[in-house]
C-alpha atoms as a PDB file:
ATOM      1  CA  UNK A   1    -103.736 -19.662 162.366  1.00  0.00           C
ATOM      2  CA  UNK A   2    -106.137 -21.642 164.730  1.00  0.00           C
ATOM      3  CA  UNK A   3    -109.497 -20.786 165.946  1.00  0.00           C
ATOM      4  CA  UNK A   4    -109.711 -20.070 169.677  1.00  0.00           C
ATOM      5  CA  UNK A   5    -111.997 -22.851 170.289  1.00  0.00           C
ATOM      6  CA  UNK A   6    -109.357 -25.303 170.218  1.00  0.00           C
ATOM      7  CA  UNK A   7    -109.660 -27.863 173.504  1.00  0.00           C
ATOM      8  CA  UNK A   8    -107.379 -27.677 176.182  1.00  0.00           C
ATOM      9  CA  UNK A   9    -104.837 -30.733 177.246  1.00  0.00           C
ATOM     10  CA  UNK A  10    -102.436 -32.289 179.148  1.00  0.00           C
ATOM     11  CA  UNK A  11     -99.337 -29.281 178.677  1.00  0.00           C
ATOM     12  CA  UNK A  12    -102.019 -26.513 179.103  1.00  0.00           C
ATOM     13  CA  UNK A  13    -102.574 -23.431 177.367  1.00  0.00           C
ATOM     14  CA  UNK A  14    -100.251 -22.524 174.167  1.00  0.00           C
ATOM     15  CA  UNK A  15     -97.713 -20.228 174.433  1.00  0.00           C
ATOM     16  CA  UNK A  16     -95.886 -20.285 171.057  1.00  0.00           C
ATOM     17  CA  UNK A  17     -96.272 -17.544 168.393  1.00  0.00           C
ATOM     18  CA  UNK A  18     -97.770 -20.185 166.154  1.00  0.00           C
ATOM     19  CA  UNK A  19    -100.529 -22.396 166.600  1.00  0.00           C
ATOM     20  CA  UNK A  20    -101.403 -24.275 163.384  1.00  0.00           C
ATOM     21  CA  UNK A  21    -104.950 -25.177 161.454  1.00  0.00           C
ATOM     22  CA  UNK A  22    -104.532 -28.980 162.965  1.00  0.00           C
ATOM     23  CA  UNK A  23    -107.345 -28.763 166.032  1.00  0.00           C
ATOM     24  CA  UNK A  24    -105.851 -29.543 168.988  1.00  0.00           C
ATOM     25  CA  UNK A  25    -105.754 -31.942 171.637  1.00  0.00           C
ATOM     26  CA  UNK A  26    -108.721 -33.979 169.429  1.00  0.00           C
ATOM     27  CA  UNK A  27    -106.444 -37.181 168.706  1.00  0.00           C
ATOM     28  CA  UNK A  28    -104.529 -37.760 172.244  1.00  0.00           C
ATOM     29  CA  UNK A  29    -105.060 -35.658 175.378  1.00  0.00           C
ATOM     30  CA  UNK A  30    -101.213 -35.695 175.573  1.00  0.00           C
ATOM     31  CA  UNK A  31    -100.435 -34.724 171.996  1.00  0.00           C
ATOM     32  CA  UNK A  32    -101.449 -31.300 170.874  1.00  0.00           C
ATOM     33  CA  UNK A  33    -101.278 -31.961 167.308  1.00  0.00           C
ATOM     34  CA  UNK A  34    -101.223 -35.314 166.683  1.00  0.00           C
ATOM     35  CA  UNK A  35    -101.133 -35.670 163.218  1.00  0.00           C
ATOM     36  CA  UNK A  36     -98.219 -32.850 163.153  1.00  0.00           C
ATOM     37  CA  UNK A  37     -96.894 -34.820 165.813  1.00  0.00           C
ATOM     38  CA  UNK A  38     -96.515 -37.989 164.561  1.00  0.00           C
ATOM     39  CA  UNK A  39     -95.501 -37.133 160.638  1.00  0.00           C
ATOM     40  CA  UNK A  40     -92.470 -35.900 162.070  1.00  0.00           C
ATOM     41  CA  UNK A  41     -91.160 -39.050 162.005  1.00  0.00           C
ATOM     42  CA  UNK A  42     -90.185 -39.038 158.442  1.00  0.00           C
ATOM     43  CA  UNK A  43     -87.303 -36.388 159.792  1.00  0.00           C
ATOM     44  CA  UNK A  44     -86.014 -38.307 163.117  1.00  0.00           C
ATOM     45  CA  UNK A  45     -85.478 -42.305 161.446  1.00  0.00           C
ATOM     46  CA  UNK A  46     -84.278 -42.237 158.411  1.00  0.00           C
ATOM     47  CA  UNK A  47     -81.721 -39.331 158.858  1.00  0.00           C
ATOM     48  CA  UNK A  48     -79.862 -41.257 161.996  1.00  0.00           C
ATOM     49  CA  UNK A  49     -79.595 -44.164 159.643  1.00  0.00           C
ATOM     50  CA  UNK A  50     -78.257 -42.038 157.175  1.00  0.00           C
ATOM     51  CA  UNK A  51     -75.811 -40.524 159.497  1.00  0.00           C
ATOM     52  CA  UNK A  52     -74.733 -44.258 160.761  1.00  0.00           C
ATOM     53  CA  UNK A  53     -74.070 -45.770 156.968  1.00  0.00           C
ATOM     54  CA  UNK A  54     -71.732 -42.451 156.599  1.00  0.00           C
ATOM     55  CA  UNK A  55     -70.278 -42.866 159.408  1.00  0.00           C
ATOM     56  CA  UNK A  56     -69.846 -46.754 159.006  1.00  0.00           C
ATOM     57  CA  UNK A  57     -68.524 -45.333 154.937  1.00  0.00           C
ATOM     58  CA  UNK A  58     -65.567 -43.202 156.821  1.00  0.00           C
ATOM     59  CA  UNK A  59     -67.352 -39.869 155.332  1.00  0.00           C
ATOM     60  CA  UNK A  60     -66.465 -36.441 156.211  1.00  0.00           C
ATOM     61  CA  UNK A  61     -67.611 -35.494 160.204  1.00  0.00           C
ATOM     62  CA  UNK A  62     -69.704 -32.629 157.642  1.00  0.00           C
ATOM     63  CA  UNK A  63     -72.029 -34.887 156.570  1.00  0.00           C
ATOM     64  CA  UNK A  64     -73.064 -36.842 159.416  1.00  0.00           C
ATOM     65  CA  UNK A  65     -73.630 -33.523 160.906  1.00  0.00           C
ATOM     66  CA  UNK A  66     -76.276 -33.087 158.067  1.00  0.00           C
ATOM     67  CA  UNK A  67     -77.664 -35.881 159.226  1.00  0.00           C
ATOM     68  CA  UNK A  68     -78.241 -35.285 162.389  1.00  0.00           C
ATOM     69  CA  UNK A  69     -79.327 -31.492 162.424  1.00  0.00           C
ATOM     70  CA  UNK A  70     -82.423 -33.075 160.021  1.00  0.00           C
ATOM     71  CA  UNK A  71     -83.046 -35.498 162.823  1.00  0.00           C
ATOM     72  CA  UNK A  72     -82.874 -32.567 165.507  1.00  0.00           C
ATOM     73  CA  UNK A  73     -85.239 -30.671 163.285  1.00  0.00           C
ATOM     74  CA  UNK A  74     -87.879 -33.919 163.374  1.00  0.00           C
ATOM     75  CA  UNK A  75     -87.170 -33.959 167.169  1.00  0.00           C
ATOM     76  CA  UNK A  76     -88.095 -29.857 167.715  1.00  0.00           C
ATOM     77  CA  UNK A  77     -91.136 -29.979 165.668  1.00  0.00           C
ATOM     78  CA  UNK A  78     -92.257 -32.993 167.178  1.00  0.00           C
ATOM     79  CA  UNK A  79     -91.599 -31.523 170.624  1.00  0.00           C
ATOM     80  CA  UNK A  80     -92.931 -27.932 169.155  1.00  0.00           C
ATOM     81  CA  UNK A  81     -96.274 -29.724 167.723  1.00  0.00           C
ATOM     82  CA  UNK A  82     -97.032 -31.912 170.646  1.00  0.00           C
ATOM     83  CA  UNK A  83     -97.147 -29.118 173.361  1.00  0.00           C
ATOM     84  CA  UNK A  84     -97.245 -25.914 171.356  1.00  0.00           C
ATOM     85  CA  UNK A  85     -94.840 -24.224 174.259  1.00  0.00           C
ATOM     86  CA  UNK A  86     -92.889 -21.437 173.450  1.00  0.00           C
ATOM     87  CA  UNK A  87     -89.658 -22.856 174.188  1.00  0.00           C
ATOM     88  CA  UNK A  88     -90.657 -25.931 172.346  1.00  0.00           C
ATOM     89  CA  UNK A  89     -91.524 -23.969 169.163  1.00  0.00           C
ATOM     90  CA  UNK A  90     -87.668 -22.739 169.378  1.00  0.00           C
ATOM     91  CA  UNK A  91     -86.496 -26.274 169.349  1.00  0.00           C
ATOM     92  CA  UNK A  92     -88.033 -26.550 166.251  1.00  0.00           C
ATOM     93  CA  UNK A  93     -87.511 -22.734 164.734  1.00  0.00           C
ATOM     94  CA  UNK A  94     -83.350 -22.520 165.475  1.00  0.00           C
ATOM     95  CA  UNK A  95     -82.347 -26.103 164.103  1.00  0.00           C
ATOM     96  CA  UNK A  96     -83.639 -25.707 161.405  1.00  0.00           C
ATOM     97  CA  UNK A  97     -81.338 -22.448 160.876  1.00  0.00           C
ATOM     98  CA  UNK A  98     -78.725 -24.006 162.257  1.00  0.00           C
ATOM     99  CA  UNK A  99     -78.800 -27.460 159.989  1.00  0.00           C
ATOM    100  CA  UNK A 100     -79.421 -25.283 156.716  1.00  0.00           C
ATOM    101  CA  UNK A 101     -76.035 -23.787 157.542  1.00  0.00           C
ATOM    102  CA  UNK A 102     -74.534 -27.046 157.691  1.00  0.00           C
ATOM    103  CA  UNK A 103     -76.416 -27.887 154.025  1.00  0.00           C
ATOM    104  CA  UNK A 104     -74.873 -24.641 152.776  1.00  0.00           C
ATOM    105  CA  UNK A 105     -71.394 -25.623 154.041  1.00  0.00           C
ATOM    106  CA  UNK A 106     -71.141 -29.105 152.433  1.00  0.00           C
ATOM    107  CA  UNK A 107     -72.331 -27.895 149.349  1.00  0.00           C
ATOM    108  CA  UNK A 108     -70.676 -24.787 148.694  1.00  0.00           C
ATOM    109  CA  UNK A 109     -67.215 -26.751 150.135  1.00  0.00           C
ATOM    110  CA  UNK A 110     -67.995 -29.515 147.684  1.00  0.00           C
ATOM    111  CA  UNK A 111     -65.104 -29.048 145.798  1.00  0.00           C
ATOM    112  CA  UNK A 112     -62.163 -28.584 148.045  1.00  0.00           C
ATOM    113  CA  UNK A 113     -59.114 -31.099 149.109  1.00  0.00           C
ATOM    114  CA  UNK A 114     -60.853 -33.952 151.092  1.00  0.00           C
ATOM    115  CA  UNK A 115     -60.579 -33.213 155.105  1.00  0.00           C
ATOM    116  CA  UNK A 116     -60.046 -29.701 153.957  1.00  0.00           C
ATOM    117  CA  UNK A 117     -61.518 -27.336 156.772  1.00  0.00           C
ATOM    118  CA  UNK A 118     -62.629 -23.454 155.092  1.00  0.00           C
ATOM    119  CA  UNK A 119     -62.599 -21.538 158.394  1.00  0.00           C
ATOM    120  CA  UNK A 120     -64.326 -18.352 156.516  1.00  0.00           C
ATOM    121  CA  UNK A 121     -67.526 -19.929 155.540  1.00  0.00           C
ATOM    122  CA  UNK A 122     -67.691 -21.774 158.888  1.00  0.00           C
ATOM    123  CA  UNK A 123     -67.464 -18.778 160.638  1.00  0.00           C
ATOM    124  CA  UNK A 124     -69.413 -16.347 158.214  1.00  0.00           C
ATOM    125  CA  UNK A 125     -72.484 -19.007 158.737  1.00  0.00           C
ATOM    126  CA  UNK A 126     -71.960 -18.798 162.648  1.00  0.00           C
ATOM    127  CA  UNK A 127     -72.154 -15.436 162.731  1.00  0.00           C
ATOM    128  CA  UNK A 128     -75.275 -15.758 160.199  1.00  0.00           C
ATOM    129  CA  UNK A 129     -76.590 -18.163 162.774  1.00  0.00           C
ATOM    130  CA  UNK A 130     -75.871 -16.195 166.121  1.00  0.00           C
ATOM    131  CA  UNK A 131     -77.253 -13.127 164.657  1.00  0.00           C
ATOM    132  CA  UNK A 132     -80.406 -14.806 163.837  1.00  0.00           C
ATOM    133  CA  UNK A 133     -80.630 -16.373 167.234  1.00  0.00           C
ATOM    134  CA  UNK A 134     -80.314 -13.261 168.796  1.00  0.00           C
ATOM    135  CA  UNK A 135     -82.700 -11.270 166.901  1.00  0.00           C
ATOM    136  CA  UNK A 136     -85.395 -13.669 166.929  1.00  0.00           C
ATOM    137  CA  UNK A 137     -84.784 -14.346 170.799  1.00  0.00           C
ATOM    138  CA  UNK A 138     -85.734 -10.353 171.334  1.00  0.00           C
ATOM    139  CA  UNK A 139     -88.133  -9.798 167.906  1.00  0.00           C
ATOM    140  CA  UNK A 140     -90.693 -12.687 168.070  1.00  0.00           C
ATOM    141  CA  UNK A 141     -91.651 -12.214 164.650  1.00  0.00           C
ATOM    142  CA  UNK A 142     -92.277 -15.628 163.223  1.00  0.00           C
ATOM    143  CA  UNK A 143     -91.798 -13.959 159.674  1.00  0.00           C
ATOM    144  CA  UNK A 144     -88.216 -12.813 160.616  1.00  0.00           C
ATOM    145  CA  UNK A 145     -87.296 -16.996 161.083  1.00  0.00           C
ATOM    146  CA  UNK A 146     -89.061 -17.766 157.865  1.00  0.00           C
ATOM    147  CA  UNK A 147     -87.593 -15.360 156.053  1.00  0.00           C
ATOM    148  CA  UNK A 148     -84.180 -16.091 157.097  1.00  0.00           C
ATOM    149  CA  UNK A 149     -84.969 -19.782 156.675  1.00  0.00           C
ATOM    150  CA  UNK A 150     -85.893 -18.767 153.305  1.00  0.00           C
ATOM    151  CA  UNK A 151     -82.999 -17.432 151.894  1.00  0.00           C
ATOM    152  CA  UNK A 152     -80.329 -20.408 153.096  1.00  0.00           C
ATOM    153  CA  UNK A 153     -82.658 -22.808 150.923  1.00  0.00           C
ATOM    154  CA  UNK A 154     -82.489 -20.016 148.058  1.00  0.00           C
ATOM    155  CA  UNK A 155     -78.422 -20.543 148.251  1.00  0.00           C
ATOM    156  CA  UNK A 156     -78.948 -24.061 148.278  1.00  0.00           C
ATOM    157  CA  UNK A 157     -81.103 -24.526 145.333  1.00  0.00           C
ATOM    158  CA  UNK A 158     -79.044 -22.043 143.821  1.00  0.00           C
ATOM    159  CA  UNK A 159     -75.874 -23.630 143.746  1.00  0.00           C
ATOM    160  CA  UNK A 160     -77.451 -27.103 143.617  1.00  0.00           C
ATOM    161  CA  UNK A 161     -78.792 -26.212 139.895  1.00  0.00           C
ATOM    162  CA  UNK A 162     -75.507 -24.523 138.933  1.00  0.00           C
ATOM    163  CA  UNK A 163     -73.844 -27.822 139.684  1.00  0.00           C
ATOM    164  CA  UNK A 164     -76.299 -30.058 138.346  1.00  0.00           C
ATOM    165  CA  UNK A 165     -75.993 -27.448 135.173  1.00  0.00           C
ATOM    166  CA  UNK A 166     -72.563 -27.290 134.407  1.00  0.00           C
ATOM    167  CA  UNK A 167     -70.459 -29.388 136.315  1.00  0.00           C
ATOM    168  CA  UNK A 168     -72.643 -33.144 136.913  1.00  0.00           C
ATOM    169  CA  UNK A 169     -75.199 -32.915 134.557  1.00  0.00           C
ATOM    170  CA  UNK A 170     -76.327 -36.400 135.273  1.00  0.00           C
ATOM    171  CA  UNK A 171     -77.305 -35.237 138.714  1.00  0.00           C
ATOM    172  CA  UNK A 172     -80.278 -33.579 137.409  1.00  0.00           C
ATOM    173  CA  UNK A 173     -82.870 -36.048 138.071  1.00  0.00           C
ATOM    174  CA  UNK A 174     -82.002 -36.194 142.215  1.00  0.00           C
ATOM    175  CA  UNK A 175     -81.416 -32.042 142.196  1.00  0.00           C
ATOM    176  CA  UNK A 176     -84.940 -31.643 140.567  1.00  0.00           C
ATOM    177  CA  UNK A 177     -86.829 -34.335 142.537  1.00  0.00           C
ATOM    178  CA  UNK A 178     -85.323 -33.429 146.040  1.00  0.00           C
ATOM    179  CA  UNK A 179     -86.782 -29.963 145.048  1.00  0.00           C
ATOM    180  CA  UNK A 180     -89.477 -30.484 143.959  1.00  0.00           C
ATOM    181  CA  UNK A 181     -90.680 -32.969 146.653  1.00  0.00           C
ATOM    182  CA  UNK A 182     -89.897 -29.296 148.716  1.00  0.00           C
ATOM    183  CA  UNK A 183     -91.935 -26.779 146.971  1.00  0.00           C
ATOM    184  CA  UNK A 184     -94.213 -29.006 146.882  1.00  0.00           C
ATOM    185  CA  UNK A 185     -94.434 -29.351 150.886  1.00  0.00           C
ATOM    186  CA  UNK A 186     -93.907 -25.455 150.482  1.00  0.00           C
ATOM    187  CA  UNK A 187     -97.340 -24.862 148.859  1.00  0.00           C
ATOM    188  CA  UNK A 188     -99.081 -27.531 150.715  1.00  0.00           C
ATOM    189  CA  UNK A 189     -98.143 -25.308 154.017  1.00  0.00           C
ATOM    190  CA  UNK A 190     -99.388 -22.372 152.125  1.00  0.00           C
ATOM    191  CA  UNK A 191    -102.757 -23.758 151.378  1.00  0.00           C
ATOM    192  CA  UNK A 192    -102.922 -24.762 154.929  1.00  0.00           C
ATOM    193  CA  UNK A 193    -101.998 -21.570 156.415  1.00  0.00           C
ATOM    194  CA  UNK A 194    -104.441 -19.737 153.837  1.00  0.00           C
ATOM    195  CA  UNK A 195    -107.138 -21.870 153.545  1.00  0.00           C
ATOM    196  CA  UNK A 196    -107.196 -22.876 157.583  1.00  0.00           C
ATOM    197  CA  UNK A 197    -110.783 -22.071 158.306  1.00  0.00           C
ATOM    198  CA  UNK A 198    -111.716 -23.489 154.814  1.00  0.00           C
ATOM    199  CA  UNK A 199    -109.691 -26.792 155.811  1.00  0.00           C
ATOM    200  CA  UNK A 200    -111.562 -26.661 159.355  1.00  0.00           C
ATOM    201  CA  UNK A 201    -114.720 -26.732 158.320  1.00  0.00           C
ATOM    202  CA  UNK A 202    -114.319 -29.259 156.093  1.00  0.00           C
ATOM    203  CA  UNK A 203    -113.034 -31.896 158.375  1.00  0.00           C
ATOM    204  CA  UNK A 204    -116.157 -31.438 160.276  1.00  0.00           C
ATOM    205  CA  UNK A 205    -118.054 -33.276 157.735  1.00  0.00           C
ATOM    206  CA  UNK A 206    -115.884 -35.124 156.249  1.00  0.00           C
ATOM    207  CA  UNK A 207    -115.104 -38.753 157.420  1.00  0.00           C
ATOM    208  CA  UNK A 208    -112.061 -39.148 159.852  1.00  0.00           C
ATOM    209  CA  UNK A 209    -110.229 -41.182 157.510  1.00  0.00           C
ATOM    210  CA  UNK A 210    -110.715 -38.642 154.748  1.00  0.00           C
ATOM    211  CA  UNK A 211    -110.226 -35.416 157.159  1.00  0.00           C
ATOM    212  CA  UNK A 212    -106.542 -36.789 158.105  1.00  0.00           C
ATOM    213  CA  UNK A 213    -105.604 -36.208 154.347  1.00  0.00           C
ATOM    214  CA  UNK A 214    -106.335 -32.331 154.849  1.00  0.00           C
ATOM    215  CA  UNK A 215    -103.730 -32.131 157.338  1.00  0.00           C
ATOM    216  CA  UNK A 216    -101.064 -30.186 155.106  1.00  0.00           C
ATOM    217  CA  UNK A 217     -99.235 -28.960 157.707  1.00  0.00           C
ATOM    218  CA  UNK A 218     -98.445 -32.873 158.673  1.00  0.00           C
ATOM    219  CA  UNK A 219     -98.024 -33.270 154.449  1.00  0.00           C
ATOM    220  CA  UNK A 220     -95.553 -30.225 154.617  1.00  0.00           C
ATOM    221  CA  UNK A 221     -93.151 -32.117 157.496  1.00  0.00           C
ATOM    222  CA  UNK A 222     -93.796 -35.706 155.334  1.00  0.00           C
ATOM    223  CA  UNK A 223     -92.620 -33.411 151.728  1.00  0.00           C
ATOM    224  CA  UNK A 224     -89.646 -31.221 153.125  1.00  0.00           C
ATOM    225  CA  UNK A 225     -88.372 -33.849 155.085  1.00  0.00           C
ATOM    226  CA  UNK A 226     -88.341 -36.450 152.397  1.00  0.00           C
ATOM    227  CA  UNK A 227     -87.149 -33.080 150.402  1.00  0.00           C
ATOM    228  CA  UNK A 228     -84.157 -32.635 152.381  1.00  0.00           C
ATOM    229  CA  UNK A 229     -83.028 -35.979 152.664  1.00  0.00           C
ATOM    230  CA  UNK A 230     -82.555 -36.420 149.296  1.00  0.00           C
ATOM    231  CA  UNK A 231     -80.973 -32.928 149.253  1.00  0.00           C
ATOM    232  CA  UNK A 232     -77.978 -34.411 151.615  1.00  0.00           C
ATOM    233  CA  UNK A 233     -77.869 -37.625 149.324  1.00  0.00           C
ATOM    234  CA  UNK A 234     -77.391 -34.747 146.359  1.00  0.00           C
ATOM    235  CA  UNK A 235     -74.277 -33.509 148.505  1.00  0.00           C
ATOM    236  CA  UNK A 236     -73.009 -36.448 149.307  1.00  0.00           C
ATOM    237  CA  UNK A 237     -73.545 -37.546 145.647  1.00  0.00           C
ATOM    238  CA  UNK A 238     -71.663 -34.609 143.872  1.00  0.00           C
ATOM    239  CA  UNK A 239     -68.990 -34.654 146.928  1.00  0.00           C
ATOM    240  CA  UNK A 240     -68.378 -38.595 146.264  1.00  0.00           C
ATOM    241  CA  UNK A 241     -67.633 -38.091 142.498  1.00  0.00           C
ATOM    242  CA  UNK A 242     -65.331 -35.256 142.746  1.00  0.00           C
ATOM    243  CA  UNK A 243     -63.338 -37.334 145.024  1.00  0.00           C
ATOM    244  CA  UNK A 244     -63.469 -40.619 142.805  1.00  0.00           C
ATOM    245  CA  UNK A 245     -65.848 -42.635 145.455  1.00  0.00           C
ATOM    246  CA  UNK A 246     -68.012 -44.917 143.967  1.00  0.00           C
ATOM    247  CA  UNK A 247     -71.606 -44.379 145.429  1.00  0.00           C
ATOM    248  CA  UNK A 248     -74.205 -46.842 145.325  1.00  0.00           C
ATOM    249  CA  UNK A 249     -77.605 -45.996 146.159  1.00  0.00           C
ATOM    250  CA  UNK A 250     -79.252 -48.907 147.237  1.00  0.00           C
ATOM    251  CA  UNK A 251     -83.127 -49.116 149.038  1.00  0.00           C
ATOM    252  CA  UNK A 252     -83.713 -50.238 152.496  1.00  0.00           C
ATOM    253  CA  UNK A 253     -86.525 -52.508 153.002  1.00  0.00           C
ATOM    254  CA  UNK A 254     -86.852 -51.924 148.896  1.00  0.00           C
ATOM    255  CA  UNK A 255     -88.282 -48.325 149.641  1.00  0.00           C
ATOM    256  CA  UNK A 256     -85.904 -45.804 151.047  1.00  0.00           C
ATOM    257  CA  UNK A 257     -83.100 -44.338 148.942  1.00  0.00           C
ATOM    258  CA  UNK A 258     -79.794 -44.463 151.375  1.00  0.00           C
ATOM    259  CA  UNK A 259     -76.327 -43.585 149.672  1.00  0.00           C
ATOM    260  CA  UNK A 260     -73.690 -46.547 150.122  1.00  0.00           C
ATOM    261  CA  UNK A 261     -70.074 -44.777 149.462  1.00  0.00           C
ATOM    262  CA  UNK A 262     -67.047 -47.272 148.496  1.00  0.00           C
ATOM    263  CA  UNK A 263     -63.218 -45.840 147.871  1.00  0.00           C
ATOM    264  CA  UNK A 264     -62.507 -46.043 144.150  1.00  0.00           C
ATOM    265  CA  UNK A 265     -60.483 -49.472 143.137  1.00  0.00           C
ATOM    266  CA  UNK A 266     -56.941 -48.820 141.645  1.00  0.00           C
ATOM    267  CA  UNK A 267     -55.327 -49.976 139.301  1.00  0.00           C
END
């Protein structure tokens, strides 16, 4: 994915099995892939706020785990792209599996009694996570991780579409917005991988401010981070509606959507 002409920096020669299209140590001697690193802020800060708000609203612990799981992916991805070390790569990729398993549990258990815990799906998801981890530690093939992650995302898509089609059709807008933003990120991720040589060549002739826009892996972080965040809001909307709460969407700083839940007023 990356040519061999990259510079050496603070963290030494990359040991990860992946080295993305952004040129290494161009912006900073201490950050291997600068734009791929700082773009993770969208996956770190807003989910932390979401977790705090969810805790304040007294909602179920699984949704706090969802927000913190997304934030953990952002932190792991930050460390990976900053260092390009294999250990940090695992800190990025394995939490993607774990956090998405939490998403799956939340969405597939959204029509259960409040604060109920279903042991079977938890055990099943733990077995899946452990199996993926053990296989991936032995068979260091990134495509395996990508396929396993894709399978989990497919489970989320099918469940979400079913719910907004047959149960809560008024949530279609949020569902398809989340899905569309995520898929746009996935499209840019593929373009970054397939046309890396062309992108790098174009960045050599484009002004720096314009060349930054072609860092499509950074855009992947931004769009999938936003898409995943919106998915958690969708999952919260579905759950709160089933529990007869009153969800209110508010915009932090007039821009960023947050969900505030209030108990249903009794007559």
